[in-house]
Amino acid sequence: MKKVIGLVGLLSAFTIQAETFQRMPVLGLVPVENMYASFEVLTPKYDKVILDCQSFVNGMTFYNNKKIVHEIKMVNYEDCSNVYNFISQSNQDKKPVCMEIGEEGSALNLSNDEASACQ
């Protein structure tokens, strides 16, 4: 699964020339109240990150100061569930999770890199 998530992000990254990535540790995953398939991804770089696997268009939305900073749309429902499953399984296995997003929010990569390598 790790390779699949990275591959989706890498394919997106290759279509955009020389895009830089922002790396951040994922500290946890919390269900959004009154939503059955939306989760807040806890990370120190953004005030709020919502993984939305419930809406018609799935994706992740990154907020700072209550404003949308980045949006990543996921074409396939499997992409959203793969992100959720990767973070959940890593948390259960007590493995660190490192998330990378393209500066324009066009790519998403997840790995089990140590937090020190993820800053």
PDB file of N, CA and C in Angstrom:
ATOM      1  N   MET A   1       0.826  -1.179   0.000  1.00  0.00           N
ATOM      2  CA  MET A   1       0.000   0.000   0.000  1.00  0.00           C
ATOM      3  C   MET A   1       0.875   1.249   0.000  1.00  0.00           C
ATOM      4  N   LYS A   2       1.971   1.221   0.736  1.00  0.00           N
ATOM      5  CA  LYS A   2       2.869   2.367   0.806  1.00  0.00           C
ATOM      6  C   LYS A   2       3.350   2.759  -0.582  1.00  0.00           C
ATOM      7  N   LYS A   3       3.665   1.775  -1.397  1.00  0.00           N
ATOM      8  CA  LYS A   3       4.143   2.054  -2.737  1.00  0.00           C
ATOM      9  C   LYS A   3       3.042   2.657  -3.592  1.00  0.00           C
ATOM     10  N   VAL A   4       1.816   2.218  -3.410  1.00  0.00           N
ATOM     11  CA  VAL A   4       0.698   2.737  -4.187  1.00  0.00           C
ATOM     12  C   VAL A   4       0.474   4.205  -3.881  1.00  0.00           C
ATOM     13  N   ILE A   5       0.468   4.556  -2.616  1.00  0.00           N
ATOM     14  CA  ILE A   5       0.240   5.945  -2.237  1.00  0.00           C
ATOM     15  C   ILE A   5       1.368   6.819  -2.760  1.00  0.00           C
ATOM     16  N   GLY A   6       2.581   6.370  -2.625  1.00  0.00           N
ATOM     17  CA  GLY A   6       3.720   7.127  -3.141  1.00  0.00           C
ATOM     18  C   GLY A   6       3.681   7.240  -4.646  1.00  0.00           C
ATOM     19  N   LEU A   7       3.265   6.180  -5.316  1.00  0.00           N
ATOM     20  CA  LEU A   7       3.209   6.187  -6.767  1.00  0.00           C
ATOM     21  C   LEU A   7       2.198   7.206  -7.274  1.00  0.00           C
ATOM     22  N   VAL A   8       1.044   7.288  -6.636  1.00  0.00           N
ATOM     23  CA  VAL A   8       0.038   8.268  -7.028  1.00  0.00           C
ATOM     24  C   VAL A   8       0.623   9.672  -6.924  1.00  0.00           C
ATOM     25  N   GLY A   9       1.296   9.940  -5.830  1.00  0.00           N
ATOM     26  CA  GLY A   9       1.918  11.246  -5.640  1.00  0.00           C
ATOM     27  C   GLY A   9       3.038  11.497  -6.618  1.00  0.00           C
ATOM     28  N   LEU A  10       3.861  10.496  -6.865  1.00  0.00           N
ATOM     29  CA  LEU A  10       4.979  10.673  -7.784  1.00  0.00           C
ATOM     30  C   LEU A  10       4.503  10.911  -9.198  1.00  0.00           C
ATOM     31  N   LEU A  11       3.481  10.205  -9.632  1.00  0.00           N
ATOM     32  CA  LEU A  11       2.953  10.431 -10.976  1.00  0.00           C
ATOM     33  C   LEU A  11       2.459  11.868 -11.114  1.00  0.00           C
ATOM     34  N   SER A  12       1.808  12.371 -10.095  1.00  0.00           N
ATOM     35  CA  SER A  12       1.359  13.757 -10.119  1.00  0.00           C
ATOM     36  C   SER A  12       2.540  14.705 -10.126  1.00  0.00           C
ATOM     37  N   ALA A  13       3.564  14.385  -9.371  1.00  0.00           N
ATOM     38  CA  ALA A  13       4.728  15.256  -9.275  1.00  0.00           C
ATOM     39  C   ALA A  13       5.477  15.350 -10.598  1.00  0.00           C
ATOM     40  N   PHE A  14       5.545  14.240 -11.351  1.00  0.00           N
ATOM     41  CA  PHE A  14       6.272  14.262 -12.614  1.00  0.00           C
ATOM     42  C   PHE A  14       5.566  15.096 -13.668  1.00  0.00           C
ATOM     43  N   THR A  15       4.270  15.277 -13.547  1.00  0.00           N
ATOM     44  CA  THR A  15       3.554  16.082 -14.519  1.00  0.00           C
ATOM     45  C   THR A  15       3.760  17.569 -14.271  1.00  0.00           C
ATOM     46  N   ILE A  16       4.222  17.915 -13.111  1.00  0.00           N
ATOM     47  CA  ILE A  16       4.503  19.307 -12.777  1.00  0.00           C
ATOM     48  C   ILE A  16       6.006  19.439 -12.636  1.00  0.00           C
ATOM     49  N   GLN A  17       6.588  20.303 -13.404  1.00  0.00           N
ATOM     50  CA  GLN A  17       8.039  20.388 -13.452  1.00  0.00           C
ATOM     51  C   GLN A  17       8.611  21.029 -12.194  1.00  0.00           C
ATOM     52  N   ALA A  18       9.569  20.358 -11.624  1.00  0.00           N
ATOM     53  CA  ALA A  18      10.382  20.874 -10.514  1.00  0.00           C
ATOM     54  C   ALA A  18       9.553  21.403  -9.344  1.00  0.00           C
ATOM     55  N   GLU A  19       8.475  20.749  -9.041  1.00  0.00           N
ATOM     56  CA  GLU A  19       7.670  21.177  -7.899  1.00  0.00           C
ATOM     57  C   GLU A  19       8.379  20.782  -6.616  1.00  0.00           C
ATOM     58  N   THR A  20       8.382  21.668  -5.641  1.00  0.00           N
ATOM     59  CA  THR A  20       8.986  21.350  -4.356  1.00  0.00           C
ATOM     60  C   THR A  20       7.909  20.813  -3.417  1.00  0.00           C
ATOM     61  N   PHE A  21       8.334  19.986  -2.495  1.00  0.00           N
ATOM     62  CA  PHE A  21       7.420  19.364  -1.555  1.00  0.00           C
ATOM     63  C   PHE A  21       7.621  19.920  -0.159  1.00  0.00           C
ATOM     64  N   GLN A  22       6.539  19.993   0.562  1.00  0.00           N
ATOM     65  CA  GLN A  22       6.568  20.385   1.967  1.00  0.00           C
ATOM     66  C   GLN A  22       6.344  19.114   2.773  1.00  0.00           C
ATOM     67  N   ARG A  23       7.246  18.816   3.686  1.00  0.00           N
ATOM     68  CA  ARG A  23       7.173  17.601   4.510  1.00  0.00           C
ATOM     69  C   ARG A  23       6.719  17.949   5.914  1.00  0.00           C
ATOM     70  N   MET A  24       5.925  17.056   6.484  1.00  0.00           N
ATOM     71  CA  MET A  24       5.452  17.276   7.855  1.00  0.00           C
ATOM     72  C   MET A  24       5.100  15.948   8.499  1.00  0.00           C
ATOM     73  N   PRO A  25       5.329  15.822   9.799  1.00  0.00           N
ATOM     74  CA  PRO A  25       4.909  14.605  10.495  1.00  0.00           C
ATOM     75  C   PRO A  25       3.393  14.607  10.708  1.00  0.00           C
ATOM     76  N   VAL A  26       2.813  13.428  10.686  1.00  0.00           N
ATOM     77  CA  VAL A  26       1.404  13.252  11.023  1.00  0.00           C
ATOM     78  C   VAL A  26       1.369  12.746  12.458  1.00  0.00           C
ATOM     79  N   LEU A  27       0.699  13.486  13.329  1.00  0.00           N
ATOM     80  CA  LEU A  27       0.674  13.165  14.749  1.00  0.00           C
ATOM     81  C   LEU A  27      -0.525  12.315  15.153  1.00  0.00           C
ATOM     82  N   GLY A  28      -1.544  12.268  14.313  1.00  0.00           N
ATOM     83  CA  GLY A  28      -2.721  11.481  14.645  1.00  0.00           C
ATOM     84  C   GLY A  28      -3.832  11.690  13.632  1.00  0.00           C
ATOM     85  N   LEU A  29      -4.921  10.975  13.863  1.00  0.00           N
ATOM     86  CA  LEU A  29      -6.091  11.000  12.992  1.00  0.00           C
ATOM     87  C   LEU A  29      -7.315  10.936  13.891  1.00  0.00           C
ATOM     88  N   VAL A  30      -8.187  11.935  13.792  1.00  0.00           N
ATOM     89  CA  VAL A  30      -9.349  12.036  14.676  1.00  0.00           C
ATOM     90  C   VAL A  30     -10.616  12.142  13.829  1.00  0.00           C
ATOM     91  N   PRO A  31     -11.649  11.356  14.132  1.00  0.00           N
ATOM     92  CA  PRO A  31     -12.904  11.479  13.373  1.00  0.00           C
ATOM     93  C   PRO A  31     -13.514  12.873  13.539  1.00  0.00           C
ATOM     94  N   VAL A  32     -14.091  13.384  12.448  1.00  0.00           N
ATOM     95  CA  VAL A  32     -14.811  14.657  12.500  1.00  0.00           C
ATOM     96  C   VAL A  32     -16.208  14.360  13.030  1.00  0.00           C
ATOM     97  N   GLU A  33     -16.644  15.136  14.009  1.00  0.00           N
ATOM     98  CA  GLU A  33     -17.932  14.917  14.644  1.00  0.00           C
ATOM     99  C   GLU A  33     -19.066  14.988  13.624  1.00  0.00           C
ATOM    100  N   ASN A  34     -20.023  14.075  13.744  1.00  0.00           N
ATOM    101  CA  ASN A  34     -21.210  13.979  12.890  1.00  0.00           C
ATOM    102  C   ASN A  34     -20.905  13.619  11.439  1.00  0.00           C
ATOM    103  N   MET A  35     -19.733  13.094  11.172  1.00  0.00           N
ATOM    104  CA  MET A  35     -19.365  12.654   9.825  1.00  0.00           C
ATOM    105  C   MET A  35     -18.861  11.221   9.948  1.00  0.00           C
ATOM    106  N   TYR A  36     -19.285  10.348   9.050  1.00  0.00           N
ATOM    107  CA  TYR A  36     -18.885   8.949   9.178  1.00  0.00           C
ATOM    108  C   TYR A  36     -17.592   8.629   8.432  1.00  0.00           C
ATOM    109  N   ALA A  37     -17.159   9.486   7.510  1.00  0.00           N
ATOM    110  CA  ALA A  37     -15.949   9.188   6.747  1.00  0.00           C
ATOM    111  C   ALA A  37     -15.108  10.445   6.498  1.00  0.00           C
ATOM    112  N   SER A  38     -15.040  11.307   7.491  1.00  0.00           N
ATOM    113  CA  SER A  38     -14.176  12.486   7.437  1.00  0.00           C
ATOM    114  C   SER A  38     -13.343  12.519   8.711  1.00  0.00           C
ATOM    115  N   PHE A  39     -12.071  12.878   8.543  1.00  0.00           N
ATOM    116  CA  PHE A  39     -11.132  12.799   9.655  1.00  0.00           C
ATOM    117  C   PHE A  39     -10.225  14.020   9.667  1.00  0.00           C
ATOM    118  N   GLU A  40      -9.862  14.450  10.860  1.00  0.00           N
ATOM    119  CA  GLU A  40      -8.868  15.506  10.985  1.00  0.00           C
ATOM    120  C   GLU A  40      -7.506  14.841  11.135  1.00  0.00           C
ATOM    121  N   VAL A  41      -6.595  15.229  10.261  1.00  0.00           N
ATOM    122  CA  VAL A  41      -5.219  14.744  10.300  1.00  0.00           C
ATOM    123  C   VAL A  41      -4.429  15.761  11.115  1.00  0.00           C
ATOM    124  N   LEU A  42      -3.860  15.326  12.226  1.00  0.00           N
ATOM    125  CA  LEU A  42      -3.140  16.234  13.117  1.00  0.00           C
ATOM    126  C   LEU A  42      -1.691  16.367  12.662  1.00  0.00           C
ATOM    127  N   THR A  43      -1.273  17.607  12.405  1.00  0.00           N
ATOM    128  CA  THR A  43       0.088  17.904  11.989  1.00  0.00           C
ATOM    129  C   THR A  43       0.457  19.294  12.509  1.00  0.00           C
ATOM    130  N   PRO A  44       1.709  19.510  12.867  1.00  0.00           N
ATOM    131  CA  PRO A  44       2.092  20.799  13.440  1.00  0.00           C
ATOM    132  C   PRO A  44       2.186  21.945  12.430  1.00  0.00           C
ATOM    133  N   LYS A  45       2.138  21.670  11.141  1.00  0.00           N
ATOM    134  CA  LYS A  45       2.340  22.719  10.140  1.00  0.00           C
ATOM    135  C   LYS A  45       1.065  23.448   9.733  1.00  0.00           C
ATOM    136  N   TYR A  46      -0.090  22.875  10.033  1.00  0.00           N
ATOM    137  CA  TYR A  46      -1.368  23.486   9.658  1.00  0.00           C
ATOM    138  C   TYR A  46      -2.302  23.473  10.848  1.00  0.00           C
ATOM    139  N   ASP A  47      -3.164  24.495  10.914  1.00  0.00           N
ATOM    140  CA  ASP A  47      -4.146  24.552  11.992  1.00  0.00           C
ATOM    141  C   ASP A  47      -5.105  23.370  11.918  1.00  0.00           C
ATOM    142  N   LYS A  48      -5.483  23.017  10.689  1.00  0.00           N
ATOM    143  CA  LYS A  48      -6.433  21.919  10.514  1.00  0.00           C
ATOM    144  C   LYS A  48      -6.211  21.311   9.130  1.00  0.00           C
ATOM    145  N   VAL A  49      -6.252  19.981   9.086  1.00  0.00           N
ATOM    146  CA  VAL A  49      -6.201  19.239   7.830  1.00  0.00           C
ATOM    147  C   VAL A  49      -7.348  18.237   7.873  1.00  0.00           C
ATOM    148  N   ILE A  50      -8.239  18.314   6.886  1.00  0.00           N
ATOM    149  CA  ILE A  50      -9.391  17.414   6.848  1.00  0.00           C
ATOM    150  C   ILE A  50      -9.233  16.432   5.694  1.00  0.00           C
ATOM    151  N   LEU A  51      -9.284  15.155   6.019  1.00  0.00           N
ATOM    152  CA  LEU A  51      -9.332  14.084   5.033  1.00  0.00           C
ATOM    153  C   LEU A  51     -10.800  13.736   4.863  1.00  0.00           C
ATOM    154  N   ASP A  52     -11.365  14.076   3.712  1.00  0.00           N
ATOM    155  CA  ASP A  52     -12.789  13.906   3.469  1.00  0.00           C
ATOM    156  C   ASP A  52     -13.020  12.754   2.502  1.00  0.00           C
ATOM    157  N   CYS A  53     -13.440  11.616   3.046  1.00  0.00           N
ATOM    158  CA  CYS A  53     -13.756  10.442   2.237  1.00  0.00           C
ATOM    159  C   CYS A  53     -15.263  10.263   2.123  1.00  0.00           C
ATOM    160  N   GLN A  54     -16.026  11.258   2.536  1.00  0.00           N
ATOM    161  CA  GLN A  54     -17.481  11.168   2.572  1.00  0.00           C
ATOM    162  C   GLN A  54     -18.139  11.923   1.423  1.00  0.00           C
ATOM    163  N   SER A  55     -17.576  13.036   1.021  1.00  0.00           N
ATOM    164  CA  SER A  55     -18.198  13.868  -0.007  1.00  0.00           C
ATOM    165  C   SER A  55     -18.130  13.207  -1.376  1.00  0.00           C
ATOM    166  N   PHE A  56     -18.873  13.770  -2.315  1.00  0.00           N
ATOM    167  CA  PHE A  56     -18.871  13.258  -3.682  1.00  0.00           C
ATOM    168  C   PHE A  56     -17.467  13.319  -4.275  1.00  0.00           C
ATOM    169  N   VAL A  57     -16.760  14.425  -4.028  1.00  0.00           N
ATOM    170  CA  VAL A  57     -15.363  14.558  -4.442  1.00  0.00           C
ATOM    171  C   VAL A  57     -14.507  14.413  -3.183  1.00  0.00           C
ATOM    172  N   ASN A  58     -13.726  13.343  -3.103  1.00  0.00           N
ATOM    173  CA  ASN A  58     -12.888  13.074  -1.944  1.00  0.00           C
ATOM    174  C   ASN A  58     -11.614  13.905  -2.019  1.00  0.00           C
ATOM    175  N   GLY A  59     -11.011  14.173  -0.863  1.00  0.00           N
ATOM    176  CA  GLY A  59      -9.754  14.901  -0.869  1.00  0.00           C
ATOM    177  C   GLY A  59      -9.305  15.326   0.509  1.00  0.00           C
ATOM    178  N   MET A  60      -8.234  16.120   0.508  1.00  0.00           N
ATOM    179  CA  MET A  60      -7.696  16.693   1.741  1.00  0.00           C
ATOM    180  C   MET A  60      -7.694  18.199   1.599  1.00  0.00           C
ATOM    181  N   THR A  61      -8.093  18.873   2.668  1.00  0.00           N
ATOM    182  CA  THR A  61      -8.100  20.336   2.686  1.00  0.00           C
ATOM    183  C   THR A  61      -7.246  20.794   3.855  1.00  0.00           C
ATOM    184  N   PHE A  62      -6.327  21.712   3.583  1.00  0.00           N
ATOM    185  CA  PHE A  62      -5.376  22.229   4.564  1.00  0.00           C
ATOM    186  C   PHE A  62      -5.757  23.664   4.902  1.00  0.00           C
ATOM    187  N   TYR A  63      -5.881  23.955   6.208  1.00  0.00           N
ATOM    188  CA  TYR A  63      -6.296  25.273   6.672  1.00  0.00           C
ATOM    189  C   TYR A  63      -5.230  25.901   7.561  1.00  0.00           C
ATOM    190  N   ASN A  64      -5.074  27.213   7.429  1.00  0.00           N
ATOM    191  CA  ASN A  64      -4.335  28.041   8.377  1.00  0.00           C
ATOM    192  C   ASN A  64      -5.148  29.301   8.593  1.00  0.00           C
ATOM    193  N   ASN A  65      -5.301  29.718   9.829  1.00  0.00           N
ATOM    194  CA  ASN A  65      -6.099  30.896  10.174  1.00  0.00           C
ATOM    195  C   ASN A  65      -7.504  30.827   9.576  1.00  0.00           C
ATOM    196  N   LYS A  66      -8.090  29.643   9.617  1.00  0.00           N
ATOM    197  CA  LYS A  66      -9.453  29.374   9.149  1.00  0.00           C
ATOM    198  C   LYS A  66      -9.634  29.597   7.643  1.00  0.00           C
ATOM    199  N   LYS A  67      -8.534  29.665   6.900  1.00  0.00           N
ATOM    200  CA  LYS A  67      -8.596  29.840   5.452  1.00  0.00           C
ATOM    201  C   LYS A  67      -7.975  28.629   4.772  1.00  0.00           C
ATOM    202  N   ILE A  68      -8.542  28.246   3.645  1.00  0.00           N
ATOM    203  CA  ILE A  68      -8.004  27.126   2.879  1.00  0.00           C
ATOM    204  C   ILE A  68      -6.673  27.540   2.257  1.00  0.00           C
ATOM    205  N   VAL A  69      -5.645  26.736   2.517  1.00  0.00           N
ATOM    206  CA  VAL A  69      -4.308  26.994   1.994  1.00  0.00           C
ATOM    207  C   VAL A  69      -4.011  26.068   0.813  1.00  0.00           C
ATOM    208  N   HIS A  70      -4.388  24.801   0.935  1.00  0.00           N
ATOM    209  CA  HIS A  70      -4.180  23.803  -0.120  1.00  0.00           C
ATOM    210  C   HIS A  70      -5.404  22.894  -0.173  1.00  0.00           C
ATOM    211  N   GLU A  71      -5.676  22.391  -1.369  1.00  0.00           N
ATOM    212  CA  GLU A  71      -6.690  21.356  -1.538  1.00  0.00           C
ATOM    213  C   GLU A  71      -6.126  20.294  -2.461  1.00  0.00           C
ATOM    214  N   ILE A  72      -6.286  19.053  -2.062  1.00  0.00           N
ATOM    215  CA  ILE A  72      -5.871  17.929  -2.895  1.00  0.00           C
ATOM    216  C   ILE A  72      -7.120  17.108  -3.187  1.00  0.00           C
ATOM    217  N   LYS A  73      -7.481  17.012  -4.451  1.00  0.00           N
ATOM    218  CA  LYS A  73      -8.640  16.223  -4.860  1.00  0.00           C
ATOM    219  C   LYS A  73      -8.187  14.812  -5.195  1.00  0.00           C
ATOM    220  N   MET A  74      -8.971  13.852  -4.782  1.00  0.00           N
ATOM    221  CA  MET A  74      -8.673  12.442  -5.046  1.00  0.00           C
ATOM    222  C   MET A  74      -9.729  11.908  -5.998  1.00  0.00           C
ATOM    223  N   VAL A  75      -9.293  11.478  -7.150  1.00  0.00           N
ATOM    224  CA  VAL A  75     -10.199  11.038  -8.209  1.00  0.00           C
ATOM    225  C   VAL A  75     -10.919   9.752  -7.823  1.00  0.00           C
ATOM    226  N   ASN A  76     -10.204   8.818  -7.261  1.00  0.00           N
ATOM    227  CA  ASN A  76     -10.780   7.520  -6.903  1.00  0.00           C
ATOM    228  C   ASN A  76     -11.038   7.446  -5.406  1.00  0.00           C
ATOM    229  N   TYR A  77     -12.168   6.826  -5.040  1.00  0.00           N
ATOM    230  CA  TYR A  77     -12.473   6.642  -3.622  1.00  0.00           C
ATOM    231  C   TYR A  77     -11.370   5.848  -2.940  1.00  0.00           C
ATOM    232  N   GLU A  78     -10.758   4.916  -3.673  1.00  0.00           N
ATOM    233  CA  GLU A  78      -9.706   4.087  -3.093  1.00  0.00           C
ATOM    234  C   GLU A  78      -8.523   4.932  -2.608  1.00  0.00           C
ATOM    235  N   ASP A  79      -8.247   6.045  -3.290  1.00  0.00           N
ATOM    236  CA  ASP A  79      -7.140   6.908  -2.868  1.00  0.00           C
ATOM    237  C   ASP A  79      -7.375   7.433  -1.456  1.00  0.00           C
ATOM    238  N   CYS A  80      -8.578   7.881  -1.192  1.00  0.00           N
ATOM    239  CA  CYS A  80      -8.906   8.425   0.124  1.00  0.00           C
ATOM    240  C   CYS A  80      -8.847   7.332   1.185  1.00  0.00           C
ATOM    241  N   SER A  81      -9.434   6.186   0.890  1.00  0.00           N
ATOM    242  CA  SER A  81      -9.404   5.103   1.875  1.00  0.00           C
ATOM    243  C   SER A  81      -7.986   4.576   2.074  1.00  0.00           C
ATOM    244  N   ASN A  82      -7.151   4.609   1.026  1.00  0.00           N
ATOM    245  CA  ASN A  82      -5.753   4.190   1.179  1.00  0.00           C
ATOM    246  C   ASN A  82      -4.988   5.133   2.108  1.00  0.00           C
ATOM    247  N   VAL A  83      -5.249   6.432   2.007  1.00  0.00           N
ATOM    248  CA  VAL A  83      -4.604   7.394   2.906  1.00  0.00           C
ATOM    249  C   VAL A  83      -5.037   7.117   4.342  1.00  0.00           C
ATOM    250  N   TYR A  84      -6.352   6.966   4.549  1.00  0.00           N
ATOM    251  CA  TYR A  84      -6.868   6.673   5.883  1.00  0.00           C
ATOM    252  C   TYR A  84      -6.260   5.376   6.427  1.00  0.00           C
ATOM    253  N   ASN A  85      -6.264   4.326   5.621  1.00  0.00           N
ATOM    254  CA  ASN A  85      -5.745   3.037   6.067  1.00  0.00           C
ATOM    255  C   ASN A  85      -4.250   3.098   6.389  1.00  0.00           C
ATOM    256  N   PHE A  86      -3.487   3.809   5.580  1.00  0.00           N
ATOM    257  CA  PHE A  86      -2.040   3.921   5.817  1.00  0.00           C
ATOM    258  C   PHE A  86      -1.763   4.618   7.151  1.00  0.00           C
ATOM    259  N   ILE A  87      -2.432   5.745   7.384  1.00  0.00           N
ATOM    260  CA  ILE A  87      -2.214   6.480   8.639  1.00  0.00           C
ATOM    261  C   ILE A  87      -2.696   5.656   9.829  1.00  0.00           C
ATOM    262  N   SER A  88      -3.870   5.054   9.720  1.00  0.00           N
ATOM    263  CA  SER A  88      -4.417   4.248  10.820  1.00  0.00           C
ATOM    264  C   SER A  88      -3.528   3.061  11.149  1.00  0.00           C
ATOM    265  N   GLN A  89      -3.115   2.329  10.120  1.00  0.00           N
ATOM    266  CA  GLN A  89      -2.272   1.150  10.345  1.00  0.00           C
ATOM    267  C   GLN A  89      -0.918   1.545  10.923  1.00  0.00           C
ATOM    268  N   SER A  90      -0.352   2.632  10.428  1.00  0.00           N
ATOM    269  CA  SER A  90       0.934   3.105  10.959  1.00  0.00           C
ATOM    270  C   SER A  90       0.804   3.479  12.426  1.00  0.00           C
ATOM    271  N   ASN A  91      -0.301   4.148  12.785  1.00  0.00           N
ATOM    272  CA  ASN A  91      -0.529   4.510  14.185  1.00  0.00           C
ATOM    273  C   ASN A  91      -0.667   3.257  15.053  1.00  0.00           C
ATOM    274  N   GLN A  92      -1.399   2.253  14.565  1.00  0.00           N
ATOM    275  CA  GLN A  92      -1.553   1.010  15.320  1.00  0.00           C
ATOM    276  C   GLN A  92      -0.213   0.306  15.499  1.00  0.00           C
ATOM    277  N   ASP A  93       0.627   0.346  14.464  1.00  0.00           N
ATOM    278  CA  ASP A  93       1.940  -0.299  14.510  1.00  0.00           C
ATOM    279  C   ASP A  93       2.999   0.574  15.178  1.00  0.00           C
ATOM    280  N   LYS A  94       2.578   1.764  15.648  1.00  0.00           N
ATOM    281  CA  LYS A  94       3.466   2.731  16.301  1.00  0.00           C
ATOM    282  C   LYS A  94       4.636   3.140  15.397  1.00  0.00           C
ATOM    283  N   LYS A  95       4.323   3.282  14.106  1.00  0.00           N
ATOM    284  CA  LYS A  95       5.306   3.753  13.130  1.00  0.00           C
ATOM    285  C   LYS A  95       5.042   5.230  12.869  1.00  0.00           C
ATOM    286  N   PRO A  96       6.098   6.021  12.681  1.00  0.00           N
ATOM    287  CA  PRO A  96       5.885   7.429  12.352  1.00  0.00           C
ATOM    288  C   PRO A  96       5.293   7.559  10.946  1.00  0.00           C
ATOM    289  N   VAL A  97       4.581   8.643  10.724  1.00  0.00           N
ATOM    290  CA  VAL A  97       4.035   8.922   9.398  1.00  0.00           C
ATOM    291  C   VAL A  97       4.530  10.293   8.962  1.00  0.00           C
ATOM    292  N   CYS A  98       5.076  10.323   7.768  1.00  0.00           N
ATOM    293  CA  CYS A  98       5.535  11.570   7.169  1.00  0.00           C
ATOM    294  C   CYS A  98       4.660  11.843   5.946  1.00  0.00           C
ATOM    295  N   MET A  99       4.128  13.059   5.877  1.00  0.00           N
ATOM    296  CA  MET A  99       3.281  13.451   4.758  1.00  0.00           C
ATOM    297  C   MET A  99       3.996  14.533   3.961  1.00  0.00           C
ATOM    298  N   GLU A 100       3.989  14.382   2.655  1.00  0.00           N
ATOM    299  CA  GLU A 100       4.537  15.390   1.748  1.00  0.00           C
ATOM    300  C   GLU A 100       3.417  15.880   0.844  1.00  0.00           C
ATOM    301  N   ILE A 101       3.345  17.199   0.678  1.00  0.00           N
ATOM    302  CA  ILE A 101       2.404  17.745  -0.291  1.00  0.00           C
ATOM    303  C   ILE A 101       3.166  18.671  -1.219  1.00  0.00           C
ATOM    304  N   GLY A 102       2.727  18.717  -2.466  1.00  0.00           N
ATOM    305  CA  GLY A 102       3.297  19.655  -3.412  1.00  0.00           C
ATOM    306  C   GLY A 102       2.910  21.066  -3.011  1.00  0.00           C
ATOM    307  N   GLU A 103       3.744  22.020  -3.320  1.00  0.00           N
ATOM    308  CA  GLU A 103       3.479  23.412  -2.932  1.00  0.00           C
ATOM    309  C   GLU A 103       2.129  23.914  -3.434  1.00  0.00           C
ATOM    310  N   GLU A 104       1.684  23.424  -4.541  1.00  0.00           N
ATOM    311  CA  GLU A 104       0.383  23.828  -5.065  1.00  0.00           C
ATOM    312  C   GLU A 104      -0.713  22.842  -4.662  1.00  0.00           C
ATOM    313  N   GLY A 105      -0.398  21.923  -3.769  1.00  0.00           N
ATOM    314  CA  GLY A 105      -1.383  20.947  -3.315  1.00  0.00           C
ATOM    315  C   GLY A 105      -1.729  19.921  -4.381  1.00  0.00           C
ATOM    316  N   SER A 106      -0.831  19.725  -5.326  1.00  0.00           N
ATOM    317  CA  SER A 106      -1.138  18.851  -6.451  1.00  0.00           C
ATOM    318  C   SER A 106      -0.720  17.401  -6.229  1.00  0.00           C
ATOM    319  N   ALA A 107       0.088  17.125  -5.240  1.00  0.00           N
ATOM    320  CA  ALA A 107       0.576  15.771  -5.011  1.00  0.00           C
ATOM    321  C   ALA A 107       0.589  15.479  -3.521  1.00  0.00           C
ATOM    322  N   LEU A 108       0.399  14.217  -3.198  1.00  0.00           N
ATOM    323  CA  LEU A 108       0.402  13.774  -1.809  1.00  0.00           C
ATOM    324  C   LEU A 108       1.187  12.474  -1.724  1.00  0.00           C
ATOM    325  N   ASN A 109       2.161  12.446  -0.830  1.00  0.00           N
ATOM    326  CA  ASN A 109       2.948  11.233  -0.580  1.00  0.00           C
ATOM    327  C   ASN A 109       2.930  10.955   0.915  1.00  0.00           C
ATOM    328  N   LEU A 110       2.823   9.687   1.281  1.00  0.00           N
ATOM    329  CA  LEU A 110       2.901   9.272   2.679  1.00  0.00           C
ATOM    330  C   LEU A 110       3.979   8.220   2.809  1.00  0.00           C
ATOM    331  N   SER A 111       4.724   8.282   3.902  1.00  0.00           N
ATOM    332  CA  SER A 111       5.751   7.274   4.161  1.00  0.00           C
ATOM    333  C   SER A 111       5.901   7.081   5.662  1.00  0.00           C
ATOM    334  N   ASN A 112       6.694   6.107   6.034  1.00  0.00           N
ATOM    335  CA  ASN A 112       6.980   5.869   7.442  1.00  0.00           C
ATOM    336  C   ASN A 112       8.357   6.396   7.817  1.00  0.00           C
ATOM    337  N   ASP A 113       8.781   7.490   7.203  1.00  0.00           N
ATOM    338  CA  ASP A 113      10.039   8.131   7.541  1.00  0.00           C
ATOM    339  C   ASP A 113      10.005   8.619   8.983  1.00  0.00           C
ATOM    340  N   GLU A 114      11.151   8.582   9.636  1.00  0.00           N
ATOM    341  CA  GLU A 114      11.252   9.074  11.011  1.00  0.00           C
ATOM    342  C   GLU A 114      10.904  10.560  11.049  1.00  0.00           C
ATOM    343  N   ALA A 115      10.382  11.010  12.178  1.00  0.00           N
ATOM    344  CA  ALA A 115       9.970  12.402  12.330  1.00  0.00           C
ATOM    345  C   ALA A 115      11.112  13.362  12.068  1.00  0.00           C
ATOM    346  N   SER A 116      12.335  12.993  12.449  1.00  0.00           N
ATOM    347  CA  SER A 116      13.478  13.879  12.237  1.00  0.00           C
ATOM    348  C   SER A 116      13.754  14.086  10.753  1.00  0.00           C
ATOM    349  N   ALA A 117      13.444  13.081   9.921  1.00  0.00           N
ATOM    350  CA  ALA A 117      13.660  13.195   8.478  1.00  0.00           C
ATOM    351  C   ALA A 117      12.477  13.894   7.810  1.00  0.00           C
ATOM    352  N   CYS A 118      11.444  14.142   8.553  1.00  0.00           N
ATOM    353  CA  CYS A 118      10.211  14.668   8.004  1.00  0.00           C
ATOM    354  C   CYS A 118      10.039  16.168   8.240  1.00  0.00           C
ATOM    355  N   GLN A 119      10.934  16.789   8.916  1.00  0.00           N
ATOM    356  CA  GLN A 119      10.789  18.226   9.232  1.00  0.00           C
ATOM    357  C   GLN A 119      11.018  19.106   8.043  1.00  0.00           C
TER     358      GLN A 119
END
